[in-house]
Amino acid sequence: MANSASAKKRARQAVVRRSRNMSDRSMMRTSIKKVYYAVEAGDKAAAEAAYKEACPMIDRMAGKGVIHINKAARHKSRMNSNIRAM
Protein backbone atom coordinates (compact mmCIF):
# COMPACT_ATOMS: atom_id res chain seq x y z
CA MET A 1 0.00 0.00 0.00
CA ALA A 2 1.31 3.43 -0.93
CA ASN A 3 2.02 5.68 2.05
CA SER A 4 3.45 8.90 0.67
CA ALA A 5 1.43 11.35 -1.42
CA SER A 6 3.70 10.89 -4.42
CA ALA A 7 3.38 7.09 -4.22
CA LYS A 8 -0.41 7.37 -4.08
CA LYS A 9 -0.40 9.61 -7.14
CA ARG A 10 1.87 7.21 -9.04
CA ALA A 11 -0.49 4.36 -8.18
CA ARG A 12 -3.43 6.36 -9.58
CA GLN A 13 -1.47 7.19 -12.73
CA ALA A 14 -0.51 3.54 -13.20
CA VAL A 15 -4.17 2.47 -13.17
CA VAL A 16 -5.12 5.05 -15.80
CA ARG A 17 -2.14 4.28 -18.01
CA ARG A 18 -2.65 0.53 -17.76
CA SER A 19 -6.26 0.81 -18.90
CA ARG A 20 -5.25 3.09 -21.78
CA ASN A 21 -2.45 0.74 -22.83
CA MET A 22 -4.77 -2.28 -22.71
CA SER A 23 -7.30 -0.47 -24.91
CA ASP A 24 -4.63 0.57 -27.41
CA ARG A 25 -3.13 -2.93 -27.48
CA SER A 26 -6.56 -4.45 -28.11
CA MET A 27 -7.20 -2.02 -30.95
CA MET A 28 -3.83 -2.88 -32.50
CA ARG A 29 -4.49 -6.63 -32.26
CA THR A 30 -7.87 -6.18 -33.92
CA SER A 31 -6.28 -4.32 -36.83
CA ILE A 32 -3.70 -7.11 -37.22
CA LYS A 33 -6.44 -9.75 -37.22
CA LYS A 34 -8.30 -7.89 -39.98
CA VAL A 35 -5.25 -8.32 -42.21
CA TYR A 36 -4.97 -12.05 -41.49
CA TYR A 37 -8.71 -12.63 -41.99
CA ALA A 38 -8.53 -10.90 -45.37
CA VAL A 39 -5.51 -13.03 -46.33
CA GLU A 40 -7.32 -16.22 -45.32
CA ALA A 41 -10.36 -15.16 -47.32
CA GLY A 42 -8.13 -14.59 -50.36
CA ASP A 43 -9.14 -10.95 -50.77
CA LYS A 44 -5.90 -9.20 -51.66
CA ALA A 45 -7.43 -5.73 -52.00
CA ALA A 46 -9.00 -5.92 -48.54
CA ALA A 47 -5.77 -7.29 -47.09
CA GLU A 48 -3.75 -4.42 -48.53
CA ALA A 49 -6.26 -1.87 -47.26
CA ALA A 50 -6.21 -3.40 -43.79
CA TYR A 51 -2.41 -3.50 -43.89
CA LYS A 52 -2.24 0.21 -44.73
CA GLU A 53 -4.54 0.88 -41.79
CA ALA A 54 -2.65 -1.40 -39.38
CA CYS A 55 0.92 -0.22 -40.05
CA PRO A 56 0.57 3.32 -38.66
CA MET A 57 -1.25 1.95 -35.64
CA ILE A 58 1.52 -0.56 -34.94
CA ASP A 59 4.14 2.17 -35.32
CA ARG A 60 2.19 4.41 -32.95
CA MET A 61 2.06 1.67 -30.30
CA ALA A 62 5.81 1.09 -30.66
CA GLY A 63 6.43 4.83 -30.33
CA LYS A 64 4.39 4.99 -27.15
CA GLY A 65 6.23 2.02 -25.69
CA VAL A 66 3.18 -0.24 -25.57
CA ILE A 67 5.10 -2.79 -27.66
CA HIS A 68 8.78 -3.09 -28.54
CA ILE A 69 9.94 -1.68 -31.86
CA ASN A 70 11.26 -5.08 -32.94
CA LYS A 71 7.86 -6.65 -32.26
CA ALA A 72 6.27 -3.95 -34.40
CA ALA A 73 8.71 -4.64 -37.21
CA ARG A 74 8.09 -8.38 -36.93
CA HIS A 75 4.30 -7.93 -37.19
CA LYS A 76 4.58 -5.65 -40.20
CA SER A 77 7.07 -7.93 -41.94
CA ARG A 78 4.94 -11.05 -41.46
CA MET A 79 1.77 -9.33 -42.63
CA ASN A 80 3.53 -7.97 -45.69
CA SER A 81 5.03 -11.34 -46.60
CA ASN A 82 1.62 -13.02 -46.24
CA ILE A 83 0.04 -10.44 -48.53
CA ARG A 84 2.83 -10.79 -51.11
CA ALA A 85 2.47 -14.57 -51.08
CA MET A 86 -1.18 -14.32 -52.18
C-alpha atoms as a PDB file:
ATOM      1  CA  MET A   1       0.000   0.000   0.000  1.00  0.00           C
ATOM      2  CA  ALA A   2       1.310   3.432  -0.930  1.00  0.00           C
ATOM      3  CA  ASN A   3       2.016   5.676   2.047  1.00  0.00           C
ATOM      4  CA  SER A   4       3.450   8.904   0.673  1.00  0.00           C
ATOM      5  CA  ALA A   5       1.428  11.347  -1.415  1.00  0.00           C
ATOM      6  CA  SER A   6       3.696  10.888  -4.416  1.00  0.00           C
ATOM      7  CA  ALA A   7       3.385   7.092  -4.224  1.00  0.00           C
ATOM      8  CA  LYS A   8      -0.406   7.367  -4.080  1.00  0.00           C
ATOM      9  CA  LYS A   9      -0.400   9.614  -7.136  1.00  0.00           C
ATOM     10  CA  ARG A  10       1.871   7.209  -9.040  1.00  0.00           C
ATOM     11  CA  ALA A  11      -0.494   4.363  -8.185  1.00  0.00           C
ATOM     12  CA  ARG A  12      -3.431   6.356  -9.579  1.00  0.00           C
ATOM     13  CA  GLN A  13      -1.473   7.185 -12.728  1.00  0.00           C
ATOM     14  CA  ALA A  14      -0.508   3.542 -13.199  1.00  0.00           C
ATOM     15  CA  VAL A  15      -4.170   2.472 -13.170  1.00  0.00           C
ATOM     16  CA  VAL A  16      -5.118   5.054 -15.804  1.00  0.00           C
ATOM     17  CA  ARG A  17      -2.143   4.285 -18.013  1.00  0.00           C
ATOM     18  CA  ARG A  18      -2.655   0.533 -17.765  1.00  0.00           C
ATOM     19  CA  SER A  19      -6.264   0.814 -18.902  1.00  0.00           C
ATOM     20  CA  ARG A  20      -5.250   3.094 -21.784  1.00  0.00           C
ATOM     21  CA  ASN A  21      -2.449   0.739 -22.829  1.00  0.00           C
ATOM     22  CA  MET A  22      -4.773  -2.277 -22.707  1.00  0.00           C
ATOM     23  CA  SER A  23      -7.298  -0.472 -24.905  1.00  0.00           C
ATOM     24  CA  ASP A  24      -4.631   0.574 -27.405  1.00  0.00           C
ATOM     25  CA  ARG A  25      -3.130  -2.925 -27.483  1.00  0.00           C
ATOM     26  CA  SER A  26      -6.556  -4.450 -28.108  1.00  0.00           C
ATOM     27  CA  MET A  27      -7.199  -2.018 -30.953  1.00  0.00           C
ATOM     28  CA  MET A  28      -3.834  -2.880 -32.497  1.00  0.00           C
ATOM     29  CA  ARG A  29      -4.486  -6.627 -32.255  1.00  0.00           C
ATOM     30  CA  THR A  30      -7.874  -6.184 -33.924  1.00  0.00           C
ATOM     31  CA  SER A  31      -6.283  -4.320 -36.831  1.00  0.00           C
ATOM     32  CA  ILE A  32      -3.704  -7.112 -37.221  1.00  0.00           C
ATOM     33  CA  LYS A  33      -6.443  -9.748 -37.216  1.00  0.00           C
ATOM     34  CA  LYS A  34      -8.300  -7.892 -39.978  1.00  0.00           C
ATOM     35  CA  VAL A  35      -5.251  -8.321 -42.207  1.00  0.00           C
ATOM     36  CA  TYR A  36      -4.974 -12.048 -41.494  1.00  0.00           C
ATOM     37  CA  TYR A  37      -8.712 -12.630 -41.988  1.00  0.00           C
ATOM     38  CA  ALA A  38      -8.530 -10.898 -45.374  1.00  0.00           C
ATOM     39  CA  VAL A  39      -5.508 -13.034 -46.326  1.00  0.00           C
ATOM     40  CA  GLU A  40      -7.324 -16.222 -45.318  1.00  0.00           C
ATOM     41  CA  ALA A  41     -10.358 -15.155 -47.322  1.00  0.00           C
ATOM     42  CA  GLY A  42      -8.128 -14.594 -50.358  1.00  0.00           C
ATOM     43  CA  ASP A  43      -9.144 -10.955 -50.771  1.00  0.00           C
ATOM     44  CA  LYS A  44      -5.903  -9.202 -51.658  1.00  0.00           C
ATOM     45  CA  ALA A  45      -7.432  -5.734 -51.997  1.00  0.00           C
ATOM     46  CA  ALA A  46      -8.996  -5.923 -48.545  1.00  0.00           C
ATOM     47  CA  ALA A  47      -5.772  -7.289 -47.087  1.00  0.00           C
ATOM     48  CA  GLU A  48      -3.746  -4.425 -48.531  1.00  0.00           C
ATOM     49  CA  ALA A  49      -6.261  -1.871 -47.264  1.00  0.00           C
ATOM     50  CA  ALA A  50      -6.214  -3.405 -43.787  1.00  0.00           C
ATOM     51  CA  TYR A  51      -2.406  -3.497 -43.888  1.00  0.00           C
ATOM     52  CA  LYS A  52      -2.239   0.212 -44.730  1.00  0.00           C
ATOM     53  CA  GLU A  53      -4.540   0.878 -41.786  1.00  0.00           C
ATOM     54  CA  ALA A  54      -2.648  -1.401 -39.378  1.00  0.00           C
ATOM     55  CA  CYS A  55       0.920  -0.218 -40.050  1.00  0.00           C
ATOM     56  CA  PRO A  56       0.575   3.324 -38.660  1.00  0.00           C
ATOM     57  CA  MET A  57      -1.252   1.952 -35.641  1.00  0.00           C
ATOM     58  CA  ILE A  58       1.517  -0.555 -34.943  1.00  0.00           C
ATOM     59  CA  ASP A  59       4.144   2.175 -35.324  1.00  0.00           C
ATOM     60  CA  ARG A  60       2.195   4.408 -32.947  1.00  0.00           C
ATOM     61  CA  MET A  61       2.061   1.671 -30.300  1.00  0.00           C
ATOM     62  CA  ALA A  62       5.810   1.095 -30.661  1.00  0.00           C
ATOM     63  CA  GLY A  63       6.432   4.829 -30.334  1.00  0.00           C
ATOM     64  CA  LYS A  64       4.387   4.992 -27.147  1.00  0.00           C
ATOM     65  CA  GLY A  65       6.230   2.020 -25.691  1.00  0.00           C
ATOM     66  CA  VAL A  66       3.178  -0.238 -25.572  1.00  0.00           C
ATOM     67  CA  ILE A  67       5.096  -2.792 -27.660  1.00  0.00           C
ATOM     68  CA  HIS A  68       8.776  -3.089 -28.542  1.00  0.00           C
ATOM     69  CA  ILE A  69       9.942  -1.682 -31.861  1.00  0.00           C
ATOM     70  CA  ASN A  70      11.264  -5.083 -32.936  1.00  0.00           C
ATOM     71  CA  LYS A  71       7.864  -6.650 -32.264  1.00  0.00           C
ATOM     72  CA  ALA A  72       6.267  -3.945 -34.398  1.00  0.00           C
ATOM     73  CA  ALA A  73       8.711  -4.637 -37.213  1.00  0.00           C
ATOM     74  CA  ARG A  74       8.086  -8.379 -36.926  1.00  0.00           C
ATOM     75  CA  HIS A  75       4.299  -7.932 -37.186  1.00  0.00           C
ATOM     76  CA  LYS A  76       4.583  -5.650 -40.200  1.00  0.00           C
ATOM     77  CA  SER A  77       7.072  -7.934 -41.939  1.00  0.00           C
ATOM     78  CA  ARG A  78       4.940 -11.048 -41.460  1.00  0.00           C
ATOM     79  CA  MET A  79       1.772  -9.326 -42.628  1.00  0.00           C
ATOM     80  CA  ASN A  80       3.532  -7.967 -45.688  1.00  0.00           C
ATOM     81  CA  SER A  81       5.030 -11.343 -46.598  1.00  0.00           C
ATOM     82  CA  ASN A  82       1.619 -13.017 -46.239  1.00  0.00           C
ATOM     83  CA  ILE A  83       0.040 -10.438 -48.533  1.00  0.00           C
ATOM     84  CA  ARG A  84       2.828 -10.787 -51.110  1.00  0.00           C
ATOM     85  CA  ALA A  85       2.472 -14.572 -51.075  1.00  0.00           C
ATOM     86  CA  MET A  86      -1.177 -14.316 -52.182  1.00  0.00           C
END
